[in-house]
């Protein structure tokens, strides 16, 4: 069955600049394993604290999760957003193929992990989507994380007028609480 691509138009005005970036001289690359028995969220937040940084972007490679929940993009007929996340999908144990994401801060300043990844189950079926980081429990063969950590940049969640959703934006740490 072939599915034809469709054009989705977000409800708000198109942003004149869709890519934002910040430079930071103190940013550094680190590599570490997630900790078995802990959630993806807890592992990443702990790594941030141990490294004394404000935020990070990361890739996830290999390893396994003993328990995994994720969701996928789904049409949103109620609007105004054109898409939403599906209900959680319980995947059980899963091997991580790879993924990536960001560790930033939500609107209230609390740590927020956003991760999309590809997995396979014990039968070799491949699946993936938006990982629910509190419900992704690291297995005995922990995934490796390659992260770029930032001390002076806060990856902050804030409303996006174009999509009518909250998305991450890089902001200088000194301005983070004003966002």
C-alpha atoms as a PDB file:
ATOM      1  CA  UNK A   1       0.000   0.000   0.000  1.00  0.00           C
ATOM      2  CA  UNK A   2       1.433   3.349  -1.046  1.00  0.00           C
ATOM      3  CA  UNK A   3       0.579   6.428   0.941  1.00  0.00           C
ATOM      4  CA  UNK A   4       0.682   9.746  -0.824  1.00  0.00           C
ATOM      5  CA  UNK A   5       2.384  12.589   1.024  1.00  0.00           C
ATOM      6  CA  UNK A   6       0.090  15.348   2.187  1.00  0.00           C
ATOM      7  CA  UNK A   7       0.763  18.970   2.913  1.00  0.00           C
ATOM      8  CA  UNK A   8       0.099  20.073   6.463  1.00  0.00           C
ATOM      9  CA  UNK A   9      -0.436  23.753   7.133  1.00  0.00           C
ATOM     10  CA  UNK A  10       0.051  24.953  10.670  1.00  0.00           C
ATOM     11  CA  UNK A  11      -2.539  27.378  12.050  1.00  0.00           C
ATOM     12  CA  UNK A  12      -0.235  30.319  12.795  1.00  0.00           C
ATOM     13  CA  UNK A  13       1.914  32.685  10.754  1.00  0.00           C
ATOM     14  CA  UNK A  14       5.032  31.189   9.170  1.00  0.00           C
ATOM     15  CA  UNK A  15       8.082  32.174  11.200  1.00  0.00           C
ATOM     16  CA  UNK A  16      10.548  34.257   9.183  1.00  0.00           C
ATOM     17  CA  UNK A  17      13.448  32.364  10.788  1.00  0.00           C
ATOM     18  CA  UNK A  18      12.797  28.683  11.415  1.00  0.00           C
ATOM     19  CA  UNK A  19      16.263  27.821  12.697  1.00  0.00           C
ATOM     20  CA  UNK A  20      17.677  29.244  15.863  1.00  0.00           C
ATOM     21  CA  UNK A  21      21.172  28.681  17.128  1.00  0.00           C
ATOM     22  CA  UNK A  22      23.483  29.906  19.853  1.00  0.00           C
ATOM     23  CA  UNK A  23      27.244  29.627  20.069  1.00  0.00           C
ATOM     24  CA  UNK A  24      28.972  28.685  23.280  1.00  0.00           C
ATOM     25  CA  UNK A  25      32.700  28.460  23.883  1.00  0.00           C
ATOM     26  CA  UNK A  26      32.229  26.393  27.061  1.00  0.00           C
ATOM     27  CA  UNK A  27      30.072  23.691  25.453  1.00  0.00           C
ATOM     28  CA  UNK A  28      31.659  20.262  25.546  1.00  0.00           C
ATOM     29  CA  UNK A  29      31.110  16.765  24.240  1.00  0.00           C
ATOM     30  CA  UNK A  30      30.686  13.866  26.673  1.00  0.00           C
ATOM     31  CA  UNK A  31      30.015  10.158  26.319  1.00  0.00           C
ATOM     32  CA  UNK A  32      28.395   7.996  28.987  1.00  0.00           C
ATOM     33  CA  UNK A  33      26.203   4.939  29.517  1.00  0.00           C
ATOM     34  CA  UNK A  34      22.716   5.224  30.934  1.00  0.00           C
ATOM     35  CA  UNK A  35      22.242   3.516  34.304  1.00  0.00           C
ATOM     36  CA  UNK A  36      20.358   0.179  34.405  1.00  0.00           C
ATOM     37  CA  UNK A  37      17.073   0.305  36.313  1.00  0.00           C
ATOM     38  CA  UNK A  38      16.683   4.089  36.038  1.00  0.00           C
ATOM     39  CA  UNK A  39      14.533   6.071  33.633  1.00  0.00           C
ATOM     40  CA  UNK A  40      15.923   7.853  30.599  1.00  0.00           C
ATOM     41  CA  UNK A  41      14.793  11.123  32.206  1.00  0.00           C
ATOM     42  CA  UNK A  42      16.549  10.437  35.530  1.00  0.00           C
ATOM     43  CA  UNK A  43      19.799   9.386  33.814  1.00  0.00           C
ATOM     44  CA  UNK A  44      19.984  12.464  31.616  1.00  0.00           C
ATOM     45  CA  UNK A  45      19.062  14.891  34.401  1.00  0.00           C
ATOM     46  CA  UNK A  46      21.723  13.309  36.642  1.00  0.00           C
ATOM     47  CA  UNK A  47      24.345  13.648  33.888  1.00  0.00           C
ATOM     48  CA  UNK A  48      23.488  17.328  33.523  1.00  0.00           C
ATOM     49  CA  UNK A  49      23.912  17.889  37.255  1.00  0.00           C
ATOM     50  CA  UNK A  50      27.185  15.944  37.420  1.00  0.00           C
ATOM     51  CA  UNK A  51      28.602  18.070  34.617  1.00  0.00           C
ATOM     52  CA  UNK A  52      27.319  21.396  35.985  1.00  0.00           C
ATOM     53  CA  UNK A  53      25.609  22.401  32.762  1.00  0.00           C
ATOM     54  CA  UNK A  54      22.274  23.967  31.811  1.00  0.00           C
ATOM     55  CA  UNK A  55      21.188  21.829  28.851  1.00  0.00           C
ATOM     56  CA  UNK A  56      22.280  19.284  26.258  1.00  0.00           C
ATOM     57  CA  UNK A  57      21.525  17.731  22.906  1.00  0.00           C
ATOM     58  CA  UNK A  58      22.244  14.035  22.563  1.00  0.00           C
ATOM     59  CA  UNK A  59      22.253  10.900  20.466  1.00  0.00           C
ATOM     60  CA  UNK A  60      21.343   7.518  21.862  1.00  0.00           C
ATOM     61  CA  UNK A  61      23.043   4.378  20.522  1.00  0.00           C
ATOM     62  CA  UNK A  62      22.544   0.674  21.084  1.00  0.00           C
ATOM     63  CA  UNK A  63      21.747  -0.987  24.357  1.00  0.00           C
ATOM     64  CA  UNK A  64      18.333  -1.904  25.645  1.00  0.00           C
ATOM     65  CA  UNK A  65      15.401  -0.776  27.732  1.00  0.00           C
ATOM     66  CA  UNK A  66      13.684  -3.245  30.047  1.00  0.00           C
ATOM     67  CA  UNK A  67      10.466  -1.250  29.702  1.00  0.00           C
ATOM     68  CA  UNK A  68       9.550   1.300  27.081  1.00  0.00           C
ATOM     69  CA  UNK A  69       6.585   3.528  26.320  1.00  0.00           C
ATOM     70  CA  UNK A  70       6.401   5.799  23.314  1.00  0.00           C
ATOM     71  CA  UNK A  71       3.897   7.581  21.109  1.00  0.00           C
ATOM     72  CA  UNK A  72       3.729   8.620  17.485  1.00  0.00           C
ATOM     73  CA  UNK A  73       2.430  11.640  15.604  1.00  0.00           C
ATOM     74  CA  UNK A  74      -1.259  11.513  14.837  1.00  0.00           C
ATOM     75  CA  UNK A  75      -3.660  13.870  13.065  1.00  0.00           C
ATOM     76  CA  UNK A  76      -5.471  16.257  15.397  1.00  0.00           C
ATOM     77  CA  UNK A  77      -9.016  16.695  14.052  1.00  0.00           C
ATOM     78  CA  UNK A  78      -9.967  18.898  17.032  1.00  0.00           C
ATOM     79  CA  UNK A  79      -7.231  21.460  16.170  1.00  0.00           C
ATOM     80  CA  UNK A  80      -5.953  24.056  16.141  1.00  0.00           C
ATOM     81  CA  UNK A  81      -2.720  22.027  15.861  1.00  0.00           C
ATOM     82  CA  UNK A  82      -2.533  19.810  12.771  1.00  0.00           C
ATOM     83  CA  UNK A  83      -0.929  16.962  14.730  1.00  0.00           C
ATOM     84  CA  UNK A  84      -0.752  15.600  18.251  1.00  0.00           C
ATOM     85  CA  UNK A  85       0.827  12.627  19.964  1.00  0.00           C
ATOM     86  CA  UNK A  86      -1.022   9.323  20.001  1.00  0.00           C
ATOM     87  CA  UNK A  87      -1.970   7.631  23.240  1.00  0.00           C
ATOM     88  CA  UNK A  88       1.044   5.907  24.848  1.00  0.00           C
ATOM     89  CA  UNK A  89       2.122   2.636  23.272  1.00  0.00           C
ATOM     90  CA  UNK A  90       3.557   0.115  25.740  1.00  0.00           C
ATOM     91  CA  UNK A  91       6.422  -1.676  23.995  1.00  0.00           C
ATOM     92  CA  UNK A  92       7.801  -3.737  26.883  1.00  0.00           C
ATOM     93  CA  UNK A  93      11.490  -4.653  26.537  1.00  0.00           C
ATOM     94  CA  UNK A  94      13.188  -3.188  23.469  1.00  0.00           C
ATOM     95  CA  UNK A  95      16.642  -2.834  21.943  1.00  0.00           C
ATOM     96  CA  UNK A  96      17.644   0.705  21.021  1.00  0.00           C
ATOM     97  CA  UNK A  97      18.867   1.160  17.461  1.00  0.00           C
ATOM     98  CA  UNK A  98      19.433   4.889  17.760  1.00  0.00           C
ATOM     99  CA  UNK A  99      17.811   8.175  18.516  1.00  0.00           C
ATOM    100  CA  UNK A 100      18.335  11.750  19.460  1.00  0.00           C
ATOM    101  CA  UNK A 101      16.943  14.528  21.509  1.00  0.00           C
ATOM    102  CA  UNK A 102      17.410  17.444  23.812  1.00  0.00           C
ATOM    103  CA  UNK A 103      17.481  17.971  27.531  1.00  0.00           C
ATOM    104  CA  UNK A 104      16.113  21.409  28.247  1.00  0.00           C
ATOM    105  CA  UNK A 105      13.699  23.141  30.563  1.00  0.00           C
ATOM    106  CA  UNK A 106       9.926  23.362  30.489  1.00  0.00           C
ATOM    107  CA  UNK A 107       8.045  26.646  30.918  1.00  0.00           C
ATOM    108  CA  UNK A 108       8.308  26.269  34.706  1.00  0.00           C
ATOM    109  CA  UNK A 109      12.066  25.700  34.620  1.00  0.00           C
ATOM    110  CA  UNK A 110      11.968  21.955  35.324  1.00  0.00           C
ATOM    111  CA  UNK A 111      14.146  19.521  33.323  1.00  0.00           C
ATOM    112  CA  UNK A 112      12.426  18.258  30.183  1.00  0.00           C
ATOM    113  CA  UNK A 113      13.689  15.458  27.942  1.00  0.00           C
ATOM    114  CA  UNK A 114      12.495  15.277  24.356  1.00  0.00           C
ATOM    115  CA  UNK A 115      13.670  12.165  22.518  1.00  0.00           C
ATOM    116  CA  UNK A 116      12.750  10.382  19.305  1.00  0.00           C
ATOM    117  CA  UNK A 117      14.274   6.967  18.710  1.00  0.00           C
ATOM    118  CA  UNK A 118      14.147   3.758  16.710  1.00  0.00           C
ATOM    119  CA  UNK A 119      13.886   0.369  18.462  1.00  0.00           C
ATOM    120  CA  UNK A 120      13.325  -3.304  17.771  1.00  0.00           C
ATOM    121  CA  UNK A 121      11.554  -5.953  19.804  1.00  0.00           C
ATOM    122  CA  UNK A 122      12.638  -9.540  20.532  1.00  0.00           C
ATOM    123  CA  UNK A 123      11.164 -10.705  17.200  1.00  0.00           C
ATOM    124  CA  UNK A 124      13.178  -8.107  15.261  1.00  0.00           C
ATOM    125  CA  UNK A 125      10.238  -5.849  14.427  1.00  0.00           C
ATOM    126  CA  UNK A 126      11.370  -2.251  14.124  1.00  0.00           C
ATOM    127  CA  UNK A 127       9.335   0.611  15.573  1.00  0.00           C
ATOM    128  CA  UNK A 128       9.881   4.053  16.978  1.00  0.00           C
ATOM    129  CA  UNK A 129       8.587   7.440  17.827  1.00  0.00           C
ATOM    130  CA  UNK A 130       8.546   9.946  20.685  1.00  0.00           C
ATOM    131  CA  UNK A 131       9.964   8.256  23.790  1.00  0.00           C
ATOM    132  CA  UNK A 132       8.167   8.865  27.080  1.00  0.00           C
ATOM    133  CA  UNK A 133      11.346   9.505  29.105  1.00  0.00           C
ATOM    134  CA  UNK A 134       9.925   8.819  32.584  1.00  0.00           C
ATOM    135  CA  UNK A 135       8.573   5.444  31.398  1.00  0.00           C
ATOM    136  CA  UNK A 136      11.689   4.357  29.474  1.00  0.00           C
ATOM    137  CA  UNK A 137      13.557   2.156  31.980  1.00  0.00           C
ATOM    138  CA  UNK A 138      17.141   1.254  31.100  1.00  0.00           C
ATOM    139  CA  UNK A 139      17.918  -2.458  30.822  1.00  0.00           C
ATOM    140  CA  UNK A 140      20.996  -4.462  31.812  1.00  0.00           C
ATOM    141  CA  UNK A 141      22.722  -3.565  28.511  1.00  0.00           C
ATOM    142  CA  UNK A 142      22.560   0.240  28.811  1.00  0.00           C
ATOM    143  CA  UNK A 143      22.515   2.505  25.761  1.00  0.00           C
ATOM    144  CA  UNK A 144      25.429   4.863  25.142  1.00  0.00           C
ATOM    145  CA  UNK A 145      24.747   8.592  25.089  1.00  0.00           C
ATOM    146  CA  UNK A 146      26.858  11.055  23.116  1.00  0.00           C
ATOM    147  CA  UNK A 147      25.943  14.532  24.331  1.00  0.00           C
ATOM    148  CA  UNK A 148      26.902  18.092  23.631  1.00  0.00           C
ATOM    149  CA  UNK A 149      26.439  19.919  26.931  1.00  0.00           C
ATOM    150  CA  UNK A 150      25.996  23.654  27.337  1.00  0.00           C
ATOM    151  CA  UNK A 151      26.658  25.789  30.412  1.00  0.00           C
ATOM    152  CA  UNK A 152      25.608  29.164  28.994  1.00  0.00           C
ATOM    153  CA  UNK A 153      22.664  28.106  26.809  1.00  0.00           C
ATOM    154  CA  UNK A 154      19.329  26.924  28.155  1.00  0.00           C
ATOM    155  CA  UNK A 155      17.182  24.940  25.742  1.00  0.00           C
ATOM    156  CA  UNK A 156      13.832  26.359  26.843  1.00  0.00           C
ATOM    157  CA  UNK A 157      10.340  25.193  25.968  1.00  0.00           C
ATOM    158  CA  UNK A 158       8.093  28.032  24.906  1.00  0.00           C
ATOM    159  CA  UNK A 159       4.967  28.535  22.775  1.00  0.00           C
ATOM    160  CA  UNK A 160       5.422  28.583  19.012  1.00  0.00           C
ATOM    161  CA  UNK A 161       2.849  30.782  17.222  1.00  0.00           C
ATOM    162  CA  UNK A 162       3.125  28.909  13.910  1.00  0.00           C
ATOM    163  CA  UNK A 163       2.423  25.405  15.207  1.00  0.00           C
ATOM    164  CA  UNK A 164       0.371  26.393  18.294  1.00  0.00           C
ATOM    165  CA  UNK A 165       2.580  23.971  20.263  1.00  0.00           C
ATOM    166  CA  UNK A 166       5.406  24.410  22.738  1.00  0.00           C
ATOM    167  CA  UNK A 167       8.831  23.744  21.255  1.00  0.00           C
ATOM    168  CA  UNK A 168      12.457  24.124  22.347  1.00  0.00           C
ATOM    169  CA  UNK A 169      14.378  27.335  21.676  1.00  0.00           C
ATOM    170  CA  UNK A 170      17.998  28.079  22.644  1.00  0.00           C
ATOM    171  CA  UNK A 171      18.282  31.084  24.974  1.00  0.00           C
ATOM    172  CA  UNK A 172      21.213  32.497  26.939  1.00  0.00           C
ATOM    173  CA  UNK A 173      21.109  31.283  30.560  1.00  0.00           C
ATOM    174  CA  UNK A 174      20.905  34.873  31.830  1.00  0.00           C
ATOM    175  CA  UNK A 175      17.645  35.314  29.868  1.00  0.00           C
ATOM    176  CA  UNK A 176      16.218  31.854  30.582  1.00  0.00           C
ATOM    177  CA  UNK A 177      13.908  32.889  33.411  1.00  0.00           C
ATOM    178  CA  UNK A 178      12.462  35.743  31.341  1.00  0.00           C
ATOM    179  CA  UNK A 179      11.238  33.338  28.639  1.00  0.00           C
END
